[in-house]
């Protein structure tokens, strides 16, 4: 009987944490929407808008490795991630912010969220975006821009390229 009560309390706690998390995400998205109102979306092509969002989000945060492990409270307890300019946030959150921006001009079917898992390269889990522009899918990794990852690449391809350059 005690174990059932503990399980119920745990489930209730998880539900409360998720509701708090959703409320805080709404604050973040409202701040992003206010920022996006400063530009004229209708005059921009999809390529221009993709480039604008890429620089807007990737330049806002510093790069940090494994921030979801080092700063786990940032996953749930920060009220407004948009206000964390100059700090590092985990790749999945930065990617979600980027995709929120993109969905103002792109259809949901044109924006995907793949992830990479390659323990041999010390990549536990890494999220990035694939965006369909002019009929072609483009890899966009806003989290890795400050690490030197070029636009149009994902971290797995970039790491293989770097390794091959070192091996030469």
N, C-alpha and C. Protein backbone atom coordinates (compact mmCIF):
# COMPACT_ATOMS: atom_id res chain seq x y z
N UNK A 1 0.82 -1.20 0.00
CA UNK A 1 0.00 0.00 0.00
C UNK A 1 0.85 1.26 0.00
N UNK A 2 1.94 1.23 0.77
CA UNK A 2 2.85 2.38 0.82
C UNK A 2 3.50 2.65 -0.53
N UNK A 3 3.88 1.60 -1.24
CA UNK A 3 4.54 1.79 -2.54
C UNK A 3 3.57 2.40 -3.55
N UNK A 4 2.29 2.07 -3.46
CA UNK A 4 1.30 2.66 -4.35
C UNK A 4 1.13 4.15 -4.06
N UNK A 5 1.14 4.52 -2.80
CA UNK A 5 1.04 5.92 -2.41
C UNK A 5 2.26 6.71 -2.90
N UNK A 6 3.44 6.13 -2.77
CA UNK A 6 4.66 6.78 -3.24
C UNK A 6 4.61 6.97 -4.76
N UNK A 7 4.14 5.97 -5.47
CA UNK A 7 4.02 6.05 -6.92
C UNK A 7 3.02 7.15 -7.32
N UNK A 8 1.90 7.22 -6.63
CA UNK A 8 0.91 8.26 -6.91
C UNK A 8 1.48 9.65 -6.66
N UNK A 9 2.21 9.82 -5.58
CA UNK A 9 2.83 11.11 -5.27
C UNK A 9 3.86 11.49 -6.33
N UNK A 10 4.61 10.50 -6.79
CA UNK A 10 5.61 10.74 -7.83
C UNK A 10 4.95 11.18 -9.14
N UNK A 11 3.87 10.54 -9.52
CA UNK A 11 3.14 10.90 -10.73
C UNK A 11 2.55 12.31 -10.60
N UNK A 12 2.00 12.62 -9.45
CA UNK A 12 1.45 13.97 -9.23
C UNK A 12 2.56 15.01 -9.33
N UNK A 13 3.71 14.73 -8.74
CA UNK A 13 4.84 15.65 -8.82
C UNK A 13 5.28 15.85 -10.28
N UNK A 14 5.35 14.79 -11.06
CA UNK A 14 5.72 14.91 -12.47
C UNK A 14 4.71 15.75 -13.24
N UNK A 15 3.45 15.56 -12.98
CA UNK A 15 2.41 16.35 -13.66
C UNK A 15 2.54 17.83 -13.29
N UNK A 16 2.78 18.13 -12.04
CA UNK A 16 2.96 19.52 -11.61
C UNK A 16 4.18 20.14 -12.29
N UNK A 17 5.29 19.39 -12.33
CA UNK A 17 6.50 19.90 -13.00
C UNK A 17 6.26 20.15 -14.49
N UNK A 18 5.52 19.29 -15.14
CA UNK A 18 5.23 19.47 -16.56
C UNK A 18 4.35 20.70 -16.78
N UNK A 19 3.38 20.93 -15.92
CA UNK A 19 2.53 22.12 -16.05
C UNK A 19 3.33 23.40 -15.86
N UNK A 20 4.22 23.40 -14.88
CA UNK A 20 5.10 24.56 -14.66
C UNK A 20 5.98 24.76 -15.90
N UNK A 21 6.53 23.69 -16.41
CA UNK A 21 7.38 23.75 -17.60
C UNK A 21 6.61 24.33 -18.78
N UNK A 22 5.40 23.89 -19.02
CA UNK A 22 4.60 24.41 -20.13
C UNK A 22 4.27 25.89 -19.95
N UNK A 23 3.99 26.30 -18.74
CA UNK A 23 3.72 27.70 -18.47
C UNK A 23 4.95 28.56 -18.78
N UNK A 24 6.12 28.11 -18.33
CA UNK A 24 7.35 28.86 -18.59
C UNK A 24 7.67 28.90 -20.08
N UNK A 25 7.40 27.83 -20.81
CA UNK A 25 7.65 27.84 -22.26
C UNK A 25 6.76 28.87 -22.95
N UNK A 26 5.55 29.04 -22.45
CA UNK A 26 4.65 30.04 -23.04
C UNK A 26 5.26 31.44 -22.89
N UNK A 27 5.88 31.72 -21.74
CA UNK A 27 6.54 33.00 -21.55
C UNK A 27 7.69 33.18 -22.54
N UNK A 28 8.45 32.13 -22.76
CA UNK A 28 9.55 32.17 -23.72
C UNK A 28 9.03 32.47 -25.11
N UNK A 29 7.99 31.74 -25.53
CA UNK A 29 7.47 31.92 -26.89
C UNK A 29 6.83 33.29 -27.08
N UNK A 30 6.21 33.83 -26.05
CA UNK A 30 5.66 35.19 -26.15
C UNK A 30 6.78 36.21 -26.35
N UNK A 31 7.90 36.04 -25.67
CA UNK A 31 9.04 36.95 -25.84
C UNK A 31 9.62 36.85 -27.24
N UNK A 32 9.70 35.64 -27.77
CA UNK A 32 10.21 35.45 -29.13
C UNK A 32 9.26 36.10 -30.13
N UNK A 33 7.99 35.93 -29.93
CA UNK A 33 7.00 36.54 -30.84
C UNK A 33 7.13 38.06 -30.86
N UNK A 34 7.38 38.65 -29.70
CA UNK A 34 7.58 40.10 -29.64
C UNK A 34 8.82 40.51 -30.43
N UNK A 35 9.87 39.72 -30.34
CA UNK A 35 11.10 39.99 -31.09
C UNK A 35 10.86 39.89 -32.60
N UNK A 36 10.09 38.89 -33.00
CA UNK A 36 9.84 38.67 -34.43
C UNK A 36 8.91 39.72 -35.02
N UNK A 37 8.15 40.39 -34.19
CA UNK A 37 7.27 41.45 -34.69
C UNK A 37 8.06 42.66 -35.18
N UNK A 38 9.34 42.73 -34.85
CA UNK A 38 10.17 43.85 -35.26
C UNK A 38 10.58 43.76 -36.74
N UNK A 39 10.43 42.58 -37.35
CA UNK A 39 10.81 42.40 -38.76
C UNK A 39 9.56 42.16 -39.60
N UNK A 40 9.65 42.49 -40.87
CA UNK A 40 8.54 42.28 -41.79
C UNK A 40 8.70 40.91 -42.44
N UNK A 41 7.99 39.93 -41.93
CA UNK A 41 8.11 38.56 -42.41
C UNK A 41 7.62 38.41 -43.85
N UNK A 42 6.64 39.19 -44.24
CA UNK A 42 6.05 39.05 -45.57
C UNK A 42 7.04 39.44 -46.67
N UNK A 43 7.94 40.37 -46.40
CA UNK A 43 8.89 40.82 -47.42
C UNK A 43 10.07 39.87 -47.57
N UNK A 44 10.30 39.00 -46.60
CA UNK A 44 11.44 38.09 -46.64
C UNK A 44 11.09 36.81 -47.40
N UNK A 45 12.04 36.30 -48.18
CA UNK A 45 11.87 34.99 -48.78
C UNK A 45 12.12 33.94 -47.69
N UNK A 46 11.81 32.70 -47.99
CA UNK A 46 12.04 31.65 -46.99
C UNK A 46 13.52 31.50 -46.68
N UNK A 47 14.36 31.62 -47.69
CA UNK A 47 15.81 31.54 -47.46
C UNK A 47 16.30 32.68 -46.58
N UNK A 48 15.84 33.88 -46.85
CA UNK A 48 16.23 35.03 -46.04
C UNK A 48 15.74 34.88 -44.60
N UNK A 49 14.52 34.38 -44.45
CA UNK A 49 13.96 34.20 -43.11
C UNK A 49 14.71 33.10 -42.35
N UNK A 50 15.06 32.03 -43.02
CA UNK A 50 15.84 30.96 -42.40
C UNK A 50 17.18 31.51 -41.91
N UNK A 51 17.85 32.28 -42.74
CA UNK A 51 19.13 32.88 -42.37
C UNK A 51 18.96 33.84 -41.19
N UNK A 52 17.90 34.64 -41.22
CA UNK A 52 17.62 35.58 -40.13
C UNK A 52 17.42 34.83 -38.81
N UNK A 53 16.59 33.79 -38.83
CA UNK A 53 16.32 33.02 -37.60
C UNK A 53 17.57 32.30 -37.12
N UNK A 54 18.35 31.77 -38.04
CA UNK A 54 19.59 31.07 -37.70
C UNK A 54 20.51 31.98 -36.90
N UNK A 55 20.74 33.19 -37.39
CA UNK A 55 21.64 34.11 -36.70
C UNK A 55 21.00 34.67 -35.43
N UNK A 56 19.71 34.93 -35.47
CA UNK A 56 19.01 35.45 -34.30
C UNK A 56 19.15 34.52 -33.10
N UNK A 57 18.95 33.23 -33.31
CA UNK A 57 18.98 32.27 -32.21
C UNK A 57 20.41 31.85 -31.87
N UNK A 58 21.21 31.54 -32.88
CA UNK A 58 22.56 31.02 -32.59
C UNK A 58 23.48 32.09 -31.99
N UNK A 59 23.28 33.34 -32.36
CA UNK A 59 24.12 34.41 -31.80
C UNK A 59 23.68 34.82 -30.39
N UNK A 60 22.51 34.41 -29.98
CA UNK A 60 21.97 34.82 -28.69
C UNK A 60 22.62 34.08 -27.52
N UNK A 61 23.03 32.85 -27.75
CA UNK A 61 23.55 31.99 -26.68
C UNK A 61 25.00 31.60 -26.95
N UNK A 62 25.74 31.34 -25.90
CA UNK A 62 27.10 30.85 -26.05
C UNK A 62 27.07 29.34 -26.18
N UNK A 63 28.13 28.78 -26.74
CA UNK A 63 28.18 27.33 -26.90
C UNK A 63 28.61 26.69 -25.60
N UNK A 64 27.98 25.58 -25.26
CA UNK A 64 28.36 24.83 -24.08
C UNK A 64 28.17 23.35 -24.33
N UNK A 65 29.09 22.56 -23.86
CA UNK A 65 29.05 21.12 -24.08
C UNK A 65 28.31 20.43 -22.93
N UNK A 66 27.36 19.58 -23.25
CA UNK A 66 26.61 18.78 -22.26
C UNK A 66 25.92 19.65 -21.21
N UNK A 67 25.37 20.79 -21.62
CA UNK A 67 24.75 21.69 -20.64
C UNK A 67 23.53 21.08 -19.98
N UNK A 68 22.88 20.13 -20.61
CA UNK A 68 21.71 19.50 -19.99
C UNK A 68 22.11 18.64 -18.82
N UNK A 69 23.40 18.24 -18.76
CA UNK A 69 23.90 17.47 -17.60
C UNK A 69 24.47 18.43 -16.55
N UNK A 70 25.22 19.43 -17.00
CA UNK A 70 25.89 20.35 -16.08
C UNK A 70 24.88 21.26 -15.39
N UNK A 71 23.87 21.74 -16.15
CA UNK A 71 22.84 22.64 -15.61
C UNK A 71 21.46 22.02 -15.81
N UNK A 72 21.12 20.94 -15.13
CA UNK A 72 19.84 20.26 -15.41
C UNK A 72 18.61 21.12 -15.09
N UNK A 73 18.73 22.06 -14.15
CA UNK A 73 17.58 22.89 -13.80
C UNK A 73 17.17 23.80 -14.95
N UNK A 74 18.07 24.04 -15.92
CA UNK A 74 17.69 24.87 -17.06
C UNK A 74 16.66 24.18 -17.94
N UNK A 75 16.54 22.89 -17.83
CA UNK A 75 15.54 22.18 -18.62
C UNK A 75 14.12 22.49 -18.17
N UNK A 76 13.95 22.81 -16.89
CA UNK A 76 12.60 22.98 -16.36
C UNK A 76 12.34 24.32 -15.69
N UNK A 77 13.29 24.85 -14.98
CA UNK A 77 12.98 25.89 -14.02
C UNK A 77 13.29 27.32 -14.43
N UNK A 78 13.85 27.54 -15.61
CA UNK A 78 14.03 28.91 -16.05
C UNK A 78 12.72 29.41 -16.63
N UNK A 79 12.35 30.58 -16.26
CA UNK A 79 11.05 31.09 -16.67
C UNK A 79 11.02 31.49 -18.13
N UNK A 80 12.07 32.12 -18.60
CA UNK A 80 12.04 32.64 -19.96
C UNK A 80 13.43 32.45 -20.58
N UNK A 81 13.55 31.46 -21.42
CA UNK A 81 14.84 31.15 -22.03
C UNK A 81 15.31 32.27 -22.96
N UNK A 82 14.40 33.04 -23.49
CA UNK A 82 14.79 34.13 -24.37
C UNK A 82 15.60 35.17 -23.62
N UNK A 83 15.38 35.29 -22.32
CA UNK A 83 16.12 36.26 -21.50
C UNK A 83 17.49 35.76 -21.06
N UNK A 84 17.87 34.54 -21.46
CA UNK A 84 19.17 33.99 -21.08
C UNK A 84 20.26 34.34 -22.10
N UNK A 85 20.13 35.45 -22.75
CA UNK A 85 21.12 35.87 -23.74
C UNK A 85 22.51 35.90 -23.12
N UNK A 86 23.48 35.31 -23.83
CA UNK A 86 24.85 35.27 -23.32
C UNK A 86 25.16 34.07 -22.44
N UNK A 87 24.19 33.21 -22.22
CA UNK A 87 24.42 31.99 -21.44
C UNK A 87 24.25 30.79 -22.38
N UNK A 88 24.63 29.63 -21.91
CA UNK A 88 24.43 28.45 -22.75
C UNK A 88 23.20 27.68 -22.29
N UNK A 89 22.49 27.15 -23.27
CA UNK A 89 21.33 26.30 -22.98
C UNK A 89 21.50 25.02 -23.78
N UNK A 90 20.85 23.95 -23.38
CA UNK A 90 21.00 22.68 -24.08
C UNK A 90 20.53 22.76 -25.54
N UNK A 91 21.08 21.88 -26.36
CA UNK A 91 20.79 21.89 -27.79
C UNK A 91 19.31 21.70 -28.08
N UNK A 92 18.63 20.86 -27.30
CA UNK A 92 17.21 20.62 -27.60
C UNK A 92 16.36 21.86 -27.34
N UNK A 93 16.73 22.66 -26.35
CA UNK A 93 15.98 23.89 -26.07
C UNK A 93 16.29 24.97 -27.11
N UNK A 94 17.56 25.09 -27.47
CA UNK A 94 17.92 26.07 -28.49
C UNK A 94 17.29 25.70 -29.82
N UNK A 95 17.24 24.42 -30.12
CA UNK A 95 16.60 23.95 -31.34
C UNK A 95 15.10 24.22 -31.32
N UNK A 96 14.48 24.05 -30.17
CA UNK A 96 13.03 24.31 -30.05
C UNK A 96 12.73 25.79 -30.23
N UNK A 97 13.56 26.65 -29.69
CA UNK A 97 13.38 28.09 -29.89
C UNK A 97 13.52 28.44 -31.36
N UNK A 98 14.53 27.88 -32.02
CA UNK A 98 14.75 28.11 -33.44
C UNK A 98 13.54 27.66 -34.26
N UNK A 99 13.02 26.49 -33.94
CA UNK A 99 11.87 25.98 -34.69
C UNK A 99 10.62 26.81 -34.43
N UNK A 100 10.47 27.34 -33.25
CA UNK A 100 9.33 28.22 -32.98
C UNK A 100 9.39 29.43 -33.91
N UNK A 101 10.59 29.98 -34.08
CA UNK A 101 10.76 31.11 -35.01
C UNK A 101 10.41 30.69 -36.43
N UNK A 102 10.91 29.55 -36.85
CA UNK A 102 10.70 29.10 -38.23
C UNK A 102 9.23 28.88 -38.56
N UNK A 103 8.48 28.40 -37.58
CA UNK A 103 7.07 28.06 -37.85
C UNK A 103 6.19 29.28 -38.10
N UNK A 104 6.76 30.46 -37.99
CA UNK A 104 6.02 31.68 -38.36
C UNK A 104 5.93 31.81 -39.88
N UNK A 105 6.85 31.15 -40.61
CA UNK A 105 6.88 31.28 -42.07
C UNK A 105 6.85 29.92 -42.77
N UNK A 106 7.34 28.88 -42.12
CA UNK A 106 7.40 27.54 -42.71
C UNK A 106 6.26 26.67 -42.17
N UNK A 107 5.84 25.72 -42.99
CA UNK A 107 4.84 24.74 -42.54
C UNK A 107 5.52 23.71 -41.64
N UNK A 108 4.73 23.09 -40.77
CA UNK A 108 5.29 22.05 -39.88
C UNK A 108 5.96 20.93 -40.66
N UNK A 109 5.42 20.59 -41.82
CA UNK A 109 5.99 19.51 -42.62
C UNK A 109 7.34 19.89 -43.23
N UNK A 110 7.71 21.17 -43.18
CA UNK A 110 8.99 21.62 -43.72
C UNK A 110 10.08 21.76 -42.67
N UNK A 111 9.75 21.43 -41.43
CA UNK A 111 10.72 21.55 -40.32
C UNK A 111 10.71 20.24 -39.54
N UNK A 112 11.87 19.60 -39.47
CA UNK A 112 12.00 18.32 -38.75
C UNK A 112 13.05 18.46 -37.65
N UNK A 113 12.97 17.55 -36.66
CA UNK A 113 13.95 17.52 -35.56
C UNK A 113 14.58 16.14 -35.47
N UNK A 114 15.63 15.89 -36.24
CA UNK A 114 16.34 14.62 -36.05
C UNK A 114 17.32 14.73 -34.88
N UNK A 115 17.80 13.60 -34.43
CA UNK A 115 18.84 13.63 -33.39
C UNK A 115 19.94 12.67 -33.77
N UNK A 116 21.11 12.93 -33.21
CA UNK A 116 22.30 12.12 -33.47
C UNK A 116 22.70 11.46 -32.16
N UNK A 117 23.08 10.20 -32.26
CA UNK A 117 23.59 9.47 -31.11
C UNK A 117 24.80 8.68 -31.60
N UNK A 118 25.99 9.12 -31.22
CA UNK A 118 27.22 8.45 -31.64
C UNK A 118 28.22 8.46 -30.48
N UNK A 119 28.13 7.44 -29.61
CA UNK A 119 29.03 7.42 -28.44
C UNK A 119 30.52 7.37 -28.81
N UNK A 120 30.86 6.83 -29.98
CA UNK A 120 32.27 6.78 -30.39
C UNK A 120 32.85 8.18 -30.55
N UNK A 121 32.00 9.14 -30.89
CA UNK A 121 32.46 10.52 -31.04
C UNK A 121 32.07 11.36 -29.82
N UNK A 122 31.68 10.71 -28.75
CA UNK A 122 31.27 11.38 -27.51
C UNK A 122 30.03 12.26 -27.72
N UNK A 123 29.16 11.86 -28.63
CA UNK A 123 27.89 12.54 -28.82
C UNK A 123 26.83 11.62 -28.22
N UNK A 124 26.35 11.95 -27.04
CA UNK A 124 25.34 11.11 -26.42
C UNK A 124 24.02 11.27 -27.16
N UNK A 125 23.46 12.44 -27.15
CA UNK A 125 22.27 12.77 -27.93
C UNK A 125 22.39 14.24 -28.30
N UNK A 126 22.20 14.53 -29.57
CA UNK A 126 22.28 15.91 -30.03
C UNK A 126 21.14 16.18 -31.01
N UNK A 127 20.40 17.25 -30.78
CA UNK A 127 19.28 17.62 -31.63
C UNK A 127 19.67 18.78 -32.55
N UNK A 128 19.18 18.71 -33.79
CA UNK A 128 19.36 19.80 -34.74
C UNK A 128 18.11 19.86 -35.60
N UNK A 129 18.08 20.74 -36.60
CA UNK A 129 16.90 20.88 -37.45
C UNK A 129 17.21 20.51 -38.89
N UNK A 130 16.20 20.05 -39.56
CA UNK A 130 16.23 19.89 -41.02
C UNK A 130 15.09 20.75 -41.53
N UNK A 131 15.42 21.63 -42.46
CA UNK A 131 14.43 22.57 -42.98
C UNK A 131 14.35 22.40 -44.50
N UNK A 132 13.14 22.32 -45.01
CA UNK A 132 12.94 22.15 -46.45
C UNK A 132 12.80 23.52 -47.10
N UNK A 133 13.78 23.87 -47.94
CA UNK A 133 13.78 25.14 -48.65
C UNK A 133 13.96 24.86 -50.14
N UNK A 134 13.04 25.36 -50.94
CA UNK A 134 13.08 25.16 -52.40
C UNK A 134 13.19 23.68 -52.77
N UNK A 135 12.47 22.83 -52.04
CA UNK A 135 12.42 21.41 -52.35
C UNK A 135 13.60 20.60 -51.85
N UNK A 136 14.57 21.22 -51.17
CA UNK A 136 15.74 20.51 -50.66
C UNK A 136 15.79 20.63 -49.14
N UNK A 137 16.20 19.54 -48.48
CA UNK A 137 16.36 19.54 -47.03
C UNK A 137 17.74 20.07 -46.67
N UNK A 138 17.78 21.01 -45.75
CA UNK A 138 19.03 21.62 -45.30
C UNK A 138 19.19 21.34 -43.81
N UNK A 139 20.38 20.86 -43.41
CA UNK A 139 20.69 20.68 -41.99
C UNK A 139 21.02 22.03 -41.38
N UNK A 140 20.41 22.33 -40.24
CA UNK A 140 20.67 23.59 -39.55
C UNK A 140 20.87 23.27 -38.07
N UNK A 141 22.05 23.58 -37.57
CA UNK A 141 22.39 23.30 -36.18
C UNK A 141 22.78 24.59 -35.48
N UNK A 142 21.79 25.26 -34.90
CA UNK A 142 22.05 26.56 -34.26
C UNK A 142 22.94 26.43 -33.03
N UNK A 143 22.90 25.29 -32.37
CA UNK A 143 23.67 25.10 -31.14
C UNK A 143 25.17 25.02 -31.42
N UNK A 144 25.55 24.53 -32.58
CA UNK A 144 26.97 24.30 -32.87
C UNK A 144 27.62 25.40 -33.71
N UNK A 145 26.89 26.46 -34.03
CA UNK A 145 27.46 27.53 -34.86
C UNK A 145 28.71 28.12 -34.24
N UNK A 146 28.67 28.41 -32.95
CA UNK A 146 29.82 29.05 -32.30
C UNK A 146 30.98 28.09 -32.10
N UNK A 147 30.74 26.82 -32.34
CA UNK A 147 31.82 25.84 -32.31
C UNK A 147 32.52 25.76 -33.67
N UNK A 148 31.94 26.42 -34.66
CA UNK A 148 32.55 26.45 -35.98
C UNK A 148 31.84 25.60 -37.02
N UNK A 149 30.70 25.04 -36.65
CA UNK A 149 29.95 24.21 -37.60
C UNK A 149 29.33 25.09 -38.67
N UNK A 150 29.64 24.84 -39.94
CA UNK A 150 29.07 25.69 -40.99
C UNK A 150 27.58 25.42 -41.21
N UNK A 151 26.90 26.43 -41.70
CA UNK A 151 25.48 26.31 -42.04
C UNK A 151 25.33 25.20 -43.09
N UNK A 152 24.32 24.35 -42.92
CA UNK A 152 24.08 23.28 -43.87
C UNK A 152 24.70 21.95 -43.48
N UNK A 153 25.38 21.90 -42.33
CA UNK A 153 26.00 20.65 -41.86
C UNK A 153 25.39 20.27 -40.51
N UNK A 154 25.48 18.98 -40.18
CA UNK A 154 25.14 18.56 -38.82
C UNK A 154 26.43 18.13 -38.14
N UNK A 155 26.41 18.01 -36.85
CA UNK A 155 27.63 17.79 -36.07
C UNK A 155 28.31 16.47 -36.42
N UNK A 156 27.55 15.45 -36.80
CA UNK A 156 28.15 14.16 -37.14
C UNK A 156 29.01 14.28 -38.40
N UNK A 157 28.48 14.90 -39.44
CA UNK A 157 29.24 15.09 -40.67
C UNK A 157 30.45 16.00 -40.41
N UNK A 158 30.27 17.00 -39.57
CA UNK A 158 31.34 17.94 -39.25
C UNK A 158 32.46 17.23 -38.51
N UNK A 159 32.13 16.38 -37.55
CA UNK A 159 33.16 15.65 -36.80
C UNK A 159 33.93 14.71 -37.71
N UNK A 160 33.25 14.04 -38.66
CA UNK A 160 33.94 13.16 -39.59
C UNK A 160 34.88 13.97 -40.48
N UNK A 161 34.45 15.15 -40.92
CA UNK A 161 35.27 16.02 -41.76
C UNK A 161 36.52 16.46 -40.98
N UNK A 162 36.35 16.88 -39.72
CA UNK A 162 37.47 17.32 -38.89
C UNK A 162 38.46 16.17 -38.68
N UNK A 163 37.93 14.96 -38.43
CA UNK A 163 38.79 13.80 -38.20
C UNK A 163 39.60 13.49 -39.45
N UNK A 164 38.97 13.56 -40.63
CA UNK A 164 39.68 13.29 -41.86
C UNK A 164 40.76 14.33 -42.13
N UNK A 165 40.51 15.59 -41.75
CA UNK A 165 41.51 16.64 -41.93
C UNK A 165 42.72 16.39 -41.03
N UNK A 166 42.49 15.88 -39.82
CA UNK A 166 43.57 15.59 -38.88
C UNK A 166 44.37 14.38 -39.37
N UNK A 167 43.68 13.39 -39.95
CA UNK A 167 44.34 12.17 -40.42
C UNK A 167 45.24 12.42 -41.62
N UNK A 168 45.03 13.49 -42.37
CA UNK A 168 45.83 13.74 -43.58
C UNK A 168 47.24 14.13 -43.27
